[in-house]
Structures are given as structure tokens and as C-alpha cells.
C-alpha atoms as a PDB file:
ATOM      1  CA  UNK A   1    -123.632 -60.141-109.332  1.00  0.00           C
ATOM      2  CA  UNK A   2    -122.501 -63.244-111.607  1.00  0.00           C
ATOM      3  CA  UNK A   3    -120.803 -61.731-114.211  1.00  0.00           C
ATOM      4  CA  UNK A   4    -118.726 -58.480-111.636  1.00  0.00           C
ATOM      5  CA  UNK A   5    -118.029 -61.933-109.380  1.00  0.00           C
ATOM      6  CA  UNK A   6    -116.756 -63.787-112.486  1.00  0.00           C
ATOM      7  CA  UNK A   7    -114.429 -60.989-113.486  1.00  0.00           C
ATOM      8  CA  UNK A   8    -113.227 -59.923-110.231  1.00  0.00           C
ATOM      9  CA  UNK A   9    -112.157 -63.432-109.445  1.00  0.00           C
ATOM     10  CA  UNK A  10    -110.399 -63.432-112.990  1.00  0.00           C
ATOM     11  CA  UNK A  11    -108.784 -60.103-113.983  1.00  0.00           C
ATOM     12  CA  UNK A  12    -106.023 -61.130-110.776  1.00  0.00           C
ATOM     13  CA  UNK A  13    -105.452 -64.446-112.015  1.00  0.00           C
ATOM     14  CA  UNK A  14    -104.719 -62.950-115.604  1.00  0.00           C
ATOM     15  CA  UNK A  15    -102.694 -60.583-114.156  1.00  0.00           C
ATOM     16  CA  UNK A  16    -100.194 -63.409-111.696  1.00  0.00           C
ATOM     17  CA  UNK A  17    -100.252 -65.139-114.477  1.00  0.00           C
ATOM     18  CA  UNK A  18     -99.094 -61.954-116.602  1.00  0.00           C
ATOM     19  CA  UNK A  19     -95.953 -61.342-114.610  1.00  0.00           C
ATOM     20  CA  UNK A  20     -95.029 -63.747-112.449  1.00  0.00           C
ATOM     21  CA  UNK A  21     -95.367 -67.451-113.859  1.00  0.00           C
ATOM     22  CA  UNK A  22     -92.701 -69.168-115.233  1.00  0.00           C
ATOM     23  CA  UNK A  23     -92.887 -69.687-119.330  1.00  0.00           C
ATOM     24  CA  UNK A  24     -94.430 -73.193-119.436  1.00  0.00           C
ATOM     25  CA  UNK A  25     -96.641 -72.443-116.258  1.00  0.00           C
ATOM     26  CA  UNK A  26     -98.338 -69.722-118.781  1.00  0.00           C
ATOM     27  CA  UNK A  27     -98.006 -71.774-121.480  1.00  0.00           C
ATOM     28  CA  UNK A  28     -99.688 -74.183-119.935  1.00  0.00           C
ATOM     29  CA  UNK A  29    -101.960 -71.991-118.394  1.00  0.00           C
ATOM     30  CA  UNK A  30    -103.185 -70.377-121.942  1.00  0.00           C
ATOM     31  CA  UNK A  31    -102.886 -73.454-123.370  1.00  0.00           C
ATOM     32  CA  UNK A  32    -105.465 -74.861-121.449  1.00  0.00           C
ATOM     33  CA  UNK A  33    -108.159 -71.779-122.397  1.00  0.00           C
ATOM     34  CA  UNK A  34    -106.944 -72.459-125.796  1.00  0.00           C
ATOM     35  CA  UNK A  35    -108.222 -75.969-126.061  1.00  0.00           C
ATOM     36  CA  UNK A  36    -111.918 -74.748-123.978  1.00  0.00           C
ATOM     37  CA  UNK A  37    -112.228 -72.344-126.781  1.00  0.00           C
ATOM     38  CA  UNK A  38    -111.514 -74.390-129.119  1.00  0.00           C
ATOM     39  CA  UNK A  39    -113.976 -76.980-127.532  1.00  0.00           C
ATOM     40  CA  UNK A  40    -116.380 -73.748-128.076  1.00  0.00           C
ATOM     41  CA  UNK A  41    -115.415 -72.790-131.841  1.00  0.00           C
ATOM     42  CA  UNK A  42    -116.101 -76.764-132.532  1.00  0.00           C
ATOM     43  CA  UNK A  43    -119.260 -76.951-130.501  1.00  0.00           C
ATOM     44  CA  UNK A  44    -120.465 -73.599-132.912  1.00  0.00           C
ATOM     45  CA  UNK A  45    -119.254 -75.639-135.945  1.00  0.00           C
ATOM     46  CA  UNK A  46    -121.342 -79.070-135.027  1.00  0.00           C
ATOM     47  CA  UNK A  47    -123.920 -77.351-134.597  1.00  0.00           C
ATOM     48  CA  UNK A  48    -124.091 -74.445-137.619  1.00  0.00           C
ATOM     49  CA  UNK A  49    -124.155 -78.450-139.756  1.00  0.00           C
ATOM     50  CA  UNK A  50    -120.861 -78.920-139.991  1.00  0.00           C
ATOM     51  CA  UNK A  51    -118.650 -81.784-138.994  1.00  0.00           C
ATOM     52  CA  UNK A  52    -115.230 -80.982-137.796  1.00  0.00           C
ATOM     53  CA  UNK A  53    -112.368 -83.394-136.986  1.00  0.00           C
ATOM     54  CA  UNK A  54    -111.905 -82.841-133.299  1.00  0.00           C
ATOM     55  CA  UNK A  55    -109.017 -84.811-132.544  1.00  0.00           C
ATOM     56  CA  UNK A  56    -106.655 -83.017-135.098  1.00  0.00           C
ATOM     57  CA  UNK A  57    -107.889 -79.749-134.120  1.00  0.00           C
ATOM     58  CA  UNK A  58    -107.269 -80.242-130.665  1.00  0.00           C
ATOM     59  CA  UNK A  59    -103.788 -81.831-131.678  1.00  0.00           C
ATOM     60  CA  UNK A  60    -103.182 -78.483-133.885  1.00  0.00           C
ATOM     61  CA  UNK A  61    -103.658 -76.309-130.735  1.00  0.00           C
ATOM     62  CA  UNK A  62    -101.900 -78.477-128.730  1.00  0.00           C
ATOM     63  CA  UNK A  63     -98.613 -78.430-131.495  1.00  0.00           C
ATOM     64  CA  UNK A  64     -98.541 -74.685-131.395  1.00  0.00           C
ATOM     65  CA  UNK A  65     -97.831 -74.181-127.383  1.00  0.00           C
ATOM     66  CA  UNK A  66     -94.945 -77.223-127.562  1.00  0.00           C
ATOM     67  CA  UNK A  67     -93.058 -75.504-130.985  1.00  0.00           C
ATOM     68  CA  UNK A  68     -93.640 -72.394-129.459  1.00  0.00           C
ATOM     69  CA  UNK A  69     -91.613 -72.264-125.985  1.00  0.00           C
ATOM     70  CA  UNK A  70     -89.249 -74.692-127.765  1.00  0.00           C
ATOM     71  CA  UNK A  71     -88.737 -71.501-130.639  1.00  0.00           C
ATOM     72  CA  UNK A  72     -87.967 -69.210-127.556  1.00  0.00           C
ATOM     73  CA  UNK A  73     -85.920 -71.426-125.631  1.00  0.00           C
ATOM     74  CA  UNK A  74     -83.676 -72.082-128.712  1.00  0.00           C
ATOM     75  CA  UNK A  75     -80.476 -71.446-128.194  1.00  0.00           C
ATOM     76  CA  UNK A  76     -78.746 -70.691-131.345  1.00  0.00           C
ATOM     77  CA  UNK A  77     -80.508 -68.325-132.019  1.00  0.00           C
ATOM     78  CA  UNK A  78     -79.006 -67.885-136.087  1.00  0.00           C
ATOM     79  CA  UNK A  79     -81.689 -71.463-136.540  1.00  0.00           C
ATOM     80  CA  UNK A  80     -84.533 -69.776-135.718  1.00  0.00           C
ATOM     81  CA  UNK A  81     -86.093 -69.581-139.621  1.00  0.00           C
ATOM     82  CA  UNK A  82     -85.155 -73.026-140.181  1.00  0.00           C
ATOM     83  CA  UNK A  83     -86.816 -74.055-136.513  1.00  0.00           C
ATOM     84  CA  UNK A  84     -89.493 -72.101-137.405  1.00  0.00           C
ATOM     85  CA  UNK A  85     -89.789 -73.920-141.148  1.00  0.00           C
ATOM     86  CA  UNK A  86     -89.301 -77.387-139.096  1.00  0.00           C
ATOM     87  CA  UNK A  87     -91.842 -77.171-136.191  1.00  0.00           C
ATOM     88  CA  UNK A  88     -94.097 -75.011-137.159  1.00  0.00           C
ATOM     89  CA  UNK A  89     -94.613 -74.540-140.804  1.00  0.00           C
ATOM     90  CA  UNK A  90     -94.000 -78.041-142.479  1.00  0.00           C
ATOM     91  CA  UNK A  91     -96.492 -79.819-139.752  1.00  0.00           C
ATOM     92  CA  UNK A  92     -99.161 -77.529-140.431  1.00  0.00           C
ATOM     93  CA  UNK A  93     -99.276 -77.691-144.160  1.00  0.00           C
ATOM     94  CA  UNK A  94     -98.836 -81.728-143.632  1.00  0.00           C
ATOM     95  CA  UNK A  95    -101.778 -81.724-141.518  1.00  0.00           C
ATOM     96  CA  UNK A  96    -104.113 -79.499-144.054  1.00  0.00           C
ATOM     97  CA  UNK A  97    -102.966 -82.418-146.729  1.00  0.00           C
ATOM     98  CA  UNK A  98    -104.174 -85.439-143.254  1.00  0.00           C
ATOM     99  CA  UNK A  99    -107.615 -83.052-143.179  1.00  0.00           C
ATOM    100  CA  UNK A 100    -108.605 -83.293-146.113  1.00  0.00           C
ATOM    101  CA  UNK A 101    -107.157 -87.462-146.721  1.00  0.00           C
ATOM    102  CA  UNK A 102    -109.942 -87.857-144.369  1.00  0.00           C
ATOM    103  CA  UNK A 103    -112.628 -86.027-145.656  1.00  0.00           C
ATOM    104  CA  UNK A 104    -112.615 -88.242-148.478  1.00  0.00           C
ATOM    105  CA  UNK A 105    -114.177 -90.944-145.906  1.00  0.00           C
ATOM    106  CA  UNK A 106    -116.902 -88.801-145.307  1.00  0.00           C
ATOM    107  CA  UNK A 107    -120.411 -90.036-146.517  1.00  0.00           C
ATOM    108  CA  UNK A 108    -121.259 -86.995-148.195  1.00  0.00           C
ATOM    109  CA  UNK A 109    -117.975 -86.447-150.385  1.00  0.00           C
ATOM    110  CA  UNK A 110    -119.742 -82.496-150.422  1.00  0.00           C
ATOM    111  CA  UNK A 111    -118.771 -82.450-146.693  1.00  0.00           C
ATOM    112  CA  UNK A 112    -114.971 -83.242-147.219  1.00  0.00           C
ATOM    113  CA  UNK A 113    -114.180 -79.443-147.645  1.00  0.00           C
ATOM    114  CA  UNK A 114    -116.054 -77.686-145.661  1.00  0.00           C
ATOM    115  CA  UNK A 115    -115.056 -80.226-142.353  1.00  0.00           C
ATOM    116  CA  UNK A 116    -111.662 -79.946-143.193  1.00  0.00           C
ATOM    117  CA  UNK A 117    -111.747 -76.150-143.565  1.00  0.00           C
ATOM    118  CA  UNK A 118    -113.745 -75.876-140.236  1.00  0.00           C
ATOM    119  CA  UNK A 119    -111.340 -77.976-138.578  1.00  0.00           C
ATOM    120  CA  UNK A 120    -108.161 -76.253-139.785  1.00  0.00           C
ATOM    121  CA  UNK A 121    -109.940 -72.585-138.875  1.00  0.00           C
ATOM    122  CA  UNK A 122    -109.106 -73.490-135.312  1.00  0.00           C
ATOM    123  CA  UNK A 123    -105.786 -72.795-136.295  1.00  0.00           C
ATOM    124  CA  UNK A 124    -105.163 -69.026-137.065  1.00  0.00           C
ATOM    125  CA  UNK A 125    -108.575 -67.965-135.227  1.00  0.00           C
ATOM    126  CA  UNK A 126    -107.877 -69.980-131.802  1.00  0.00           C
ATOM    127  CA  UNK A 127    -104.690 -71.165-131.471  1.00  0.00           C
ATOM    128  CA  UNK A 128    -102.421 -68.506-132.983  1.00  0.00           C
ATOM    129  CA  UNK A 129    -103.266 -65.593-132.012  1.00  0.00           C
ATOM    130  CA  UNK A 130    -103.579 -66.998-128.466  1.00  0.00           C
ATOM    131  CA  UNK A 131    -100.029 -68.008-129.223  1.00  0.00           C
ATOM    132  CA  UNK A 132     -99.016 -64.355-129.539  1.00  0.00           C
ATOM    133  CA  UNK A 133     -99.702 -64.102-125.925  1.00  0.00           C
ATOM    134  CA  UNK A 134     -96.460 -66.324-125.567  1.00  0.00           C
ATOM    135  CA  UNK A 135     -94.480 -64.040-128.474  1.00  0.00           C
ATOM    136  CA  UNK A 136     -95.600 -60.780-126.939  1.00  0.00           C
ATOM    137  CA  UNK A 137     -94.599 -61.779-123.854  1.00  0.00           C
ATOM    138  CA  UNK A 138     -91.337 -63.245-124.204  1.00  0.00           C
ATOM    139  CA  UNK A 139     -90.785 -60.586-127.527  1.00  0.00           C
ATOM    140  CA  UNK A 140     -88.936 -57.962-124.912  1.00  0.00           C
ATOM    141  CA  UNK A 141     -88.656 -57.363-120.977  1.00  0.00           C
ATOM    142  CA  UNK A 142     -91.554 -55.351-121.182  1.00  0.00           C
ATOM    143  CA  UNK A 143     -93.681 -58.000-123.580  1.00  0.00           C
ATOM    144  CA  UNK A 144     -95.843 -58.516-119.737  1.00  0.00           C
ATOM    145  CA  UNK A 145     -96.557 -54.580-119.313  1.00  0.00           C
ATOM    146  CA  UNK A 146     -97.996 -53.981-122.422  1.00  0.00           C
ATOM    147  CA  UNK A 147    -100.347 -57.154-122.920  1.00  0.00           C
ATOM    148  CA  UNK A 148    -101.236 -56.069-120.056  1.00  0.00           C
ATOM    149  CA  UNK A 149    -102.739 -52.530-121.324  1.00  0.00           C
ATOM    150  CA  UNK A 150    -103.717 -54.173-124.453  1.00  0.00           C
ATOM    151  CA  UNK A 151    -106.157 -56.244-122.369  1.00  0.00           C
ATOM    152  CA  UNK A 152    -107.376 -53.261-120.781  1.00  0.00           C
ATOM    153  CA  UNK A 153    -107.814 -50.358-123.566  1.00  0.00           C
ATOM    154  CA  UNK A 154    -109.876 -53.633-125.106  1.00  0.00           C
ATOM    155  CA  UNK A 155    -112.103 -54.301-121.720  1.00  0.00           C
ATOM    156  CA  UNK A 156    -112.606 -51.051-121.282  1.00  0.00           C
ATOM    157  CA  UNK A 157    -114.067 -50.282-125.065  1.00  0.00           C
ATOM    158  CA  UNK A 158    -116.512 -53.195-124.282  1.00  0.00           C
ATOM    159  CA  UNK A 159    -117.699 -51.513-121.024  1.00  0.00           C
ATOM    160  CA  UNK A 160    -117.810 -48.051-122.839  1.00  0.00           C
ATOM    161  CA  UNK A 161    -120.296 -49.833-125.728  1.00  0.00           C
ATOM    162  CA  UNK A 162    -121.987 -51.344-123.523  1.00  0.00           C
ATOM    163  CA  UNK A 163    -123.143 -48.805-121.110  1.00  0.00           C
ATOM    164  CA  UNK A 164    -123.398 -45.907-123.783  1.00  0.00           C
ATOM    165  CA  UNK A 165    -125.652 -48.723-126.147  1.00  0.00           C
ATOM    166  CA  UNK A 166    -127.708 -49.546-123.533  1.00  0.00           C
ATOM    167  CA  UNK A 167    -128.502 -45.844-122.532  1.00  0.00           C
ATOM    168  CA  UNK A 168    -128.864 -43.978-125.367  1.00  0.00           C
ATOM    169  CA  UNK A 169    -127.931 -46.698-128.360  1.00  0.00           C
ATOM    170  CA  UNK A 170    -130.868 -46.089-130.974  1.00  0.00           C
ATOM    171  CA  UNK A 171    -129.096 -47.122-134.403  1.00  0.00           C
ATOM    172  CA  UNK A 172    -128.133 -50.597-135.041  1.00  0.00           C
ATOM    173  CA  UNK A 173    -124.668 -51.657-135.854  1.00  0.00           C
ATOM    174  CA  UNK A 174    -125.437 -55.064-137.262  1.00  0.00           C
ATOM    175  CA  UNK A 175    -128.480 -55.743-136.558  1.00  0.00           C
ATOM    176  CA  UNK A 176    -128.245 -59.390-138.728  1.00  0.00           C
ATOM    177  CA  UNK A 177    -125.459 -60.286-137.118  1.00  0.00           C
ATOM    178  CA  UNK A 178    -126.053 -58.676-134.203  1.00  0.00           C
ATOM    179  CA  UNK A 179    -129.403 -56.533-132.697  1.00  0.00           C
ATOM    180  CA  UNK A 180    -128.189 -54.849-129.145  1.00  0.00           C
ATOM    181  CA  UNK A 181    -124.856 -53.792-130.775  1.00  0.00           C
ATOM    182  CA  UNK A 182    -125.506 -49.938-131.859  1.00  0.00           C
ATOM    183  CA  UNK A 183    -123.827 -47.315-133.176  1.00  0.00           C
ATOM    184  CA  UNK A 184    -123.443 -45.260-131.161  1.00  0.00           C
ATOM    185  CA  UNK A 185    -122.009 -47.472-128.417  1.00  0.00           C
ATOM    186  CA  UNK A 186    -119.728 -48.724-131.166  1.00  0.00           C
ATOM    187  CA  UNK A 187    -118.317 -44.728-131.275  1.00  0.00           C
ATOM    188  CA  UNK A 188    -118.660 -44.761-127.224  1.00  0.00           C
ATOM    189  CA  UNK A 189    -116.037 -47.950-127.344  1.00  0.00           C
ATOM    190  CA  UNK A 190    -113.469 -45.962-129.639  1.00  0.00           C
ATOM    191  CA  UNK A 191    -113.698 -43.468-127.985  1.00  0.00           C
ATOM    192  CA  UNK A 192    -112.720 -45.274-124.607  1.00  0.00           C
ATOM    193  CA  UNK A 193    -110.392 -47.111-126.051  1.00  0.00           C
ATOM    194  CA  UNK A 194    -108.345 -44.107-126.988  1.00  0.00           C
ATOM    195  CA  UNK A 195    -108.824 -41.571-123.184  1.00  0.00           C
ATOM    196  CA  UNK A 196    -107.903 -45.286-121.124  1.00  0.00           C
ATOM    197  CA  UNK A 197    -104.790 -45.821-123.579  1.00  0.00           C
ATOM    198  CA  UNK A 198    -103.339 -42.147-123.179  1.00  0.00           C
ATOM    199  CA  UNK A 199    -104.121 -42.638-119.673  1.00  0.00           C
ATOM    200  CA  UNK A 200    -102.802 -45.613-119.111  1.00  0.00           C
ATOM    201  CA  UNK A 201     -99.481 -44.499-121.364  1.00  0.00           C
ATOM    202  CA  UNK A 202     -99.265 -41.065-119.546  1.00  0.00           C
ATOM    203  CA  UNK A 203     -99.138 -42.798-116.577  1.00  0.00           C
ATOM    204  CA  UNK A 204     -96.570 -46.056-117.608  1.00  0.00           C
ATOM    205  CA  UNK A 205     -94.145 -44.884-114.958  1.00  0.00           C
ATOM    206  CA  UNK A 206     -96.190 -44.565-111.961  1.00  0.00           C
ATOM    207  CA  UNK A 207     -98.371 -48.227-113.542  1.00  0.00           C
ATOM    208  CA  UNK A 208     -94.842 -49.677-113.371  1.00  0.00           C
ATOM    209  CA  UNK A 209     -94.100 -48.400-109.716  1.00  0.00           C
ATOM    210  CA  UNK A 210     -97.166 -49.367-108.496  1.00  0.00           C
ATOM    211  CA  UNK A 211     -96.464 -53.193-110.138  1.00  0.00           C
ATOM    212  CA  UNK A 212     -92.613 -53.054-108.512  1.00  0.00           C
ATOM    213  CA  UNK A 213     -94.540 -52.251-104.947  1.00  0.00           C
ATOM    214  CA  UNK A 214     -95.912 -55.155-105.739  1.00  0.00           C
ATOM    215  CA  UNK A 215     -93.683 -57.822-106.424  1.00  0.00           C
ATOM    216  CA  UNK A 216     -94.823 -58.200-109.896  1.00  0.00           C
ATOM    217  CA  UNK A 217     -93.163 -55.877-112.162  1.00  0.00           C
ATOM    218  CA  UNK A 218     -88.794 -56.092-111.975  1.00  0.00           C
ATOM    219  CA  UNK A 219     -86.540 -53.273-112.956  1.00  0.00           C
ATOM    220  CA  UNK A 220     -83.450 -52.697-111.124  1.00  0.00           C
ATOM    221  CA  UNK A 221     -83.740 -49.785-108.573  1.00  0.00           C
ATOM    222  CA  UNK A 222     -87.655 -49.765-109.490  1.00  0.00           C
ATOM    223  CA  UNK A 223     -89.951 -50.614-105.979  1.00  0.00           C
ATOM    224  CA  UNK A 224     -91.227 -47.537-104.785  1.00  0.00           C
ATOM    225  CA  UNK A 225     -92.850 -44.243-105.998  1.00  0.00           C
ATOM    226  CA  UNK A 226     -90.119 -42.255-104.174  1.00  0.00           C
ATOM    227  CA  UNK A 227     -87.507 -44.234-106.612  1.00  0.00           C
ATOM    228  CA  UNK A 228     -89.289 -44.029-110.017  1.00  0.00           C
ATOM    229  CA  UNK A 229     -89.768 -40.252-108.996  1.00  0.00           C
ATOM    230  CA  UNK A 230     -85.946 -39.948-108.016  1.00  0.00           C
ATOM    231  CA  UNK A 231     -85.313 -41.940-111.760  1.00  0.00           C
ATOM    232  CA  UNK A 232     -88.087 -40.001-113.690  1.00  0.00           C
ATOM    233  CA  UNK A 233     -89.485 -37.031-112.366  1.00  0.00           C
ATOM    234  CA  UNK A 234     -92.664 -36.298-112.236  1.00  0.00           C
ATOM    235  CA  UNK A 235     -93.059 -40.014-111.645  1.00  0.00           C
ATOM    236  CA  UNK A 236     -96.264 -39.916-114.275  1.00  0.00           C
ATOM    237  CA  UNK A 237     -94.093 -38.231-116.901  1.00  0.00           C
ATOM    238  CA  UNK A 238     -95.439 -39.278-120.418  1.00  0.00           C
ATOM    239  CA  UNK A 239     -93.746 -41.800-122.136  1.00  0.00           C
ATOM    240  CA  UNK A 240     -94.548 -41.941-125.907  1.00  0.00           C
ATOM    241  CA  UNK A 241     -96.119 -39.471-128.993  1.00  0.00           C
ATOM    242  CA  UNK A 242    -100.241 -39.133-129.029  1.00  0.00           C
ATOM    243  CA  UNK A 243    -100.902 -39.689-132.402  1.00  0.00           C
ATOM    244  CA  UNK A 244     -98.903 -43.238-131.548  1.00  0.00           C
ATOM    245  CA  UNK A 245    -100.648 -44.040-128.843  1.00  0.00           C
ATOM    246  CA  UNK A 246    -104.176 -42.669-129.866  1.00  0.00           C
ATOM    247  CA  UNK A 247    -103.807 -45.281-132.891  1.00  0.00           C
ATOM    248  CA  UNK A 248    -102.598 -48.337-131.045  1.00  0.00           C
ATOM    249  CA  UNK A 249    -105.732 -47.551-129.032  1.00  0.00           C
ATOM    250  CA  UNK A 250    -108.259 -47.151-131.847  1.00  0.00           C
ATOM    251  CA  UNK A 251    -106.242 -49.964-134.019  1.00  0.00           C
ATOM    252  CA  UNK A 252    -107.185 -52.569-130.789  1.00  0.00           C
ATOM    253  CA  UNK A 253    -110.543 -51.581-130.169  1.00  0.00           C
ATOM    254  CA  UNK A 254    -111.421 -51.641-134.230  1.00  0.00           C
ATOM    255  CA  UNK A 255    -109.810 -55.252-134.428  1.00  0.00           C
ATOM    256  CA  UNK A 256    -111.648 -56.399-130.871  1.00  0.00           C
ATOM    257  CA  UNK A 257    -114.865 -55.201-131.825  1.00  0.00           C
ATOM    258  CA  UNK A 258    -114.890 -57.038-135.152  1.00  0.00           C
ATOM    259  CA  UNK A 259    -113.596 -59.869-133.113  1.00  0.00           C
ATOM    260  CA  UNK A 260    -116.508 -59.412-130.972  1.00  0.00           C
ATOM    261  CA  UNK A 261    -119.015 -59.291-133.929  1.00  0.00           C
ATOM    262  CA  UNK A 262    -117.335 -61.992-135.675  1.00  0.00           C
ATOM    263  CA  UNK A 263    -118.293 -64.642-132.890  1.00  0.00           C
ATOM    264  CA  UNK A 264    -121.498 -63.263-132.507  1.00  0.00           C
ATOM    265  CA  UNK A 265    -122.187 -64.028-136.255  1.00  0.00           C
ATOM    266  CA  UNK A 266    -120.745 -67.544-136.129  1.00  0.00           C
ATOM    267  CA  UNK A 267    -123.346 -68.361-132.823  1.00  0.00           C
ATOM    268  CA  UNK A 268    -126.732 -66.804-134.800  1.00  0.00           C
ATOM    269  CA  UNK A 269    -125.786 -69.027-138.003  1.00  0.00           C
ATOM    270  CA  UNK A 270    -125.842 -71.623-135.445  1.00  0.00           C
ATOM    271  CA  UNK A 271    -128.153 -70.701-133.227  1.00  0.00           C
ATOM    272  CA  UNK A 272    -126.650 -70.421-129.940  1.00  0.00           C
ATOM    273  CA  UNK A 273    -127.243 -67.844-127.797  1.00  0.00           C
ATOM    274  CA  UNK A 274    -123.555 -68.429-125.959  1.00  0.00           C
ATOM    275  CA  UNK A 275    -120.303 -70.514-126.957  1.00  0.00           C
ATOM    276  CA  UNK A 276    -120.693 -72.075-123.927  1.00  0.00           C
ATOM    277  CA  UNK A 277    -122.056 -71.333-119.896  1.00  0.00           C
ATOM    278  CA  UNK A 278    -118.246 -72.192-118.126  1.00  0.00           C
ATOM    279  CA  UNK A 279    -118.550 -68.676-117.199  1.00  0.00           C
ATOM    280  CA  UNK A 280    -121.096 -67.454-114.818  1.00  0.00           C
ATOM    281  CA  UNK A 281    -123.232 -64.269-116.473  1.00  0.00           C
ATOM    282  CA  UNK A 282    -119.972 -64.387-119.143  1.00  0.00           C
ATOM    283  CA  UNK A 283    -121.080 -67.915-121.248  1.00  0.00           C
ATOM    284  CA  UNK A 284    -118.488 -69.585-122.631  1.00  0.00           C
ATOM    285  CA  UNK A 285    -114.107 -68.901-123.135  1.00  0.00           C
ATOM    286  CA  UNK A 286    -114.580 -68.409-126.576  1.00  0.00           C
ATOM    287  CA  UNK A 287    -117.635 -65.790-125.392  1.00  0.00           C
ATOM    288  CA  UNK A 288    -114.171 -63.333-123.242  1.00  0.00           C
ATOM    289  CA  UNK A 289    -112.102 -63.608-125.337  1.00  0.00           C
ATOM    290  CA  UNK A 290    -113.554 -63.088-128.995  1.00  0.00           C
ATOM    291  CA  UNK A 291    -112.178 -59.693-129.291  1.00  0.00           C
ATOM    292  CA  UNK A 292    -108.545 -60.362-127.656  1.00  0.00           C
ATOM    293  CA  UNK A 293    -108.520 -63.252-130.945  1.00  0.00           C
ATOM    294  CA  UNK A 294    -108.462 -59.765-133.425  1.00  0.00           C
ATOM    295  CA  UNK A 295    -106.853 -57.595-130.932  1.00  0.00           C
ATOM    296  CA  UNK A 296    -103.589 -59.983-129.960  1.00  0.00           C
ATOM    297  CA  UNK A 297    -102.181 -59.518-133.333  1.00  0.00           C
ATOM    298  CA  UNK A 298    -102.701 -55.904-133.930  1.00  0.00           C
ATOM    299  CA  UNK A 299    -101.030 -55.618-130.469  1.00  0.00           C
ATOM    300  CA  UNK A 300     -98.214 -57.302-131.742  1.00  0.00           C
ATOM    301  CA  UNK A 301     -97.102 -55.623-135.152  1.00  0.00           C
ATOM    302  CA  UNK A 302     -96.903 -51.894-132.472  1.00  0.00           C
ATOM    303  CA  UNK A 303     -95.590 -53.518-130.040  1.00  0.00           C
ATOM    304  CA  UNK A 304     -92.267 -55.375-132.567  1.00  0.00           C
ATOM    305  CA  UNK A 305     -92.470 -51.461-134.292  1.00  0.00           C
ATOM    306  CA  UNK A 306     -91.249 -50.184-131.283  1.00  0.00           C
ATOM    307  CA  UNK A 307     -94.060 -49.419-129.230  1.00  0.00           C
ATOM    308  CA  UNK A 308     -91.834 -51.792-126.227  1.00  0.00           C
ATOM    309  CA  UNK A 309     -89.514 -48.841-126.392  1.00  0.00           C
ATOM    310  CA  UNK A 310     -91.386 -46.650-123.734  1.00  0.00           C
ATOM    311  CA  UNK A 311     -92.233 -49.131-121.573  1.00  0.00           C
ATOM    312  CA  UNK A 312     -88.537 -49.344-120.401  1.00  0.00           C
ATOM    313  CA  UNK A 313     -87.388 -48.624-117.094  1.00  0.00           C
ATOM    314  CA  UNK A 314     -86.530 -45.326-117.147  1.00  0.00           C
ATOM    315  CA  UNK A 315     -88.578 -44.187-119.938  1.00  0.00           C
ATOM    316  CA  UNK A 316     -87.432 -44.266-123.492  1.00  0.00           C
ATOM    317  CA  UNK A 317     -86.432 -40.770-124.542  1.00  0.00           C
ATOM    318  CA  UNK A 318     -87.114 -41.152-128.443  1.00  0.00           C
END
């Protein structure tokens, strides 16, 4: 019951933030999640036997979310590459050197490299993937909708794996890492994600109309189902090639399942059941976003490759 209640509360808040929060507020919200996830990750690292430099790790997370919005609001797009080098690449290289220097202060020099590496890993594991939420949302006018679809594909796969695995799961997927996961659940997860992905894209225009009716989606002339039907009859017209949508859903699902397994391995290595206890029935923040961390880069690749076109209104016609 706690698990369901938490989801019922959090999902509407996530949808509201995706579609209605201004960039500065959305950045702060995602930064808050990133810092909580970083705290749990560093706790796992400590329980494993490492001594991460927490202050530097938190600074890495904060700087990522300071630099990304600045890049989006840069007026001179011709200078974007130079700003990228100045605001992200150069500071991160400097921080890497700082961590290695701080490692020399460890009582045992054998800990210098692993402690520095564990501290820096918070960047590619948590900060950058969650930062991609900002990137994809602002990349084009349909970014929020693609992110919502991405999350639903991940959630549907997780649900399918859980229930099918409990019902008929017999063959263990990775008993050393996560004894509860089975091949039956894994296959069901992939199939479930593909089916939901196809349905989402098939009813894209109808979903856009519903979101516009709720004042969440802003598209010229799209406020009701009737306006959607008039612009693109029938309003549930399919909005993408089947093979491409299936490939997106499958790729996202595979990445999500790997993300889940990676976090399970980290927790098992540390002797922990959950990364935290902040979310009743769900464990910690990292427990809830572990799959999404791996799925977001995959979603960005498809978005950049042109999937965002299928969320235009009226529907994109190749």
C-alpha cells in the first residue's frame, strides 16, 4: 500500500514539473533529486569501504546544474562550444586533478586513487544523466512529452518484470547480483516496454490533446479532442514507423534493466538492501531512478536522431 500511495503522489508531481515548471524551477527540482541520489550513492561507497570526498562530489553535482541552464540561455549560439569547454569540460578536469591531489592526504596511499575515483563517479553516474533531463526538455518544444514517454516506457517495463517474474519466474537472471530477477521477468519487461511504447506513439495526438485540455501542453490550435481531430483525422493517427518506435522502447528497456542491475550490484557489494529510506515502500531516491539514469542517455540519442519530429503538432509526416 505504501508503494502505491507514494507512486500516486509522486507521478502527478513529476508530470506537472515536466510540463509546467519554468527552467529555473525545473533545474532546482532535478538538482534536489540529484543531491539526494548523490548522498545515497556516497553512502553506498562508504559502506563498501571507500572514503569519498563528499564536499567535492556535491560541488560537482551543483556545478553541473549551474552550467547547463546557462548554456541554454546563452544568446550567442555560435559561442556554445566555447561555453561548453569553459563551463563544463575545463572545470571537471580541474576537479579531477583536485581529487587526485586530495587523495595524497589519505593515511593509506592505496586509498588515494579509489577514493578519488569513487568521488568523481558521481558525475557520470548521477549528475550528467539527470542533467540530461534539462537537455532533453529544452532541446525542442516537444522534449517534455518525449521525456514523459521515456519514463512511462521504463515504468511499464519495471511493472511487467515484477509481476511476471513473481508469477512464473523460475530461471535466475543474475543470482549473484539480484537473486529476485528472472529471465522470464526480463523478457516480459522488454515486451511490455515495446507494447506500451507502440501504444504511446500510436495515440500521440490524442495524448497531446488530453494534455492540452489539462493546460499542460501548449500547442497552437490544440485545446480539445475536437481540434485534434480536425487537424489530423483521426486523432489517434499513428505518429511514427513501427520499427523505430520498437527499437526505441527496446533500447530504453535494456538500458533501464542494466541500470537496475548495476545499482543492485553496488548495494549488494555494500551489504545494503536499499540505498535509503526516504520514499515509503520504494527505498531511497537512487532505488527509484537507477533505471532512468541509464535510460536517459539512450533517449537523448533517439531525440537527437530525429524522434522529436514525431511529437510535433500537427503530426510530422516524413
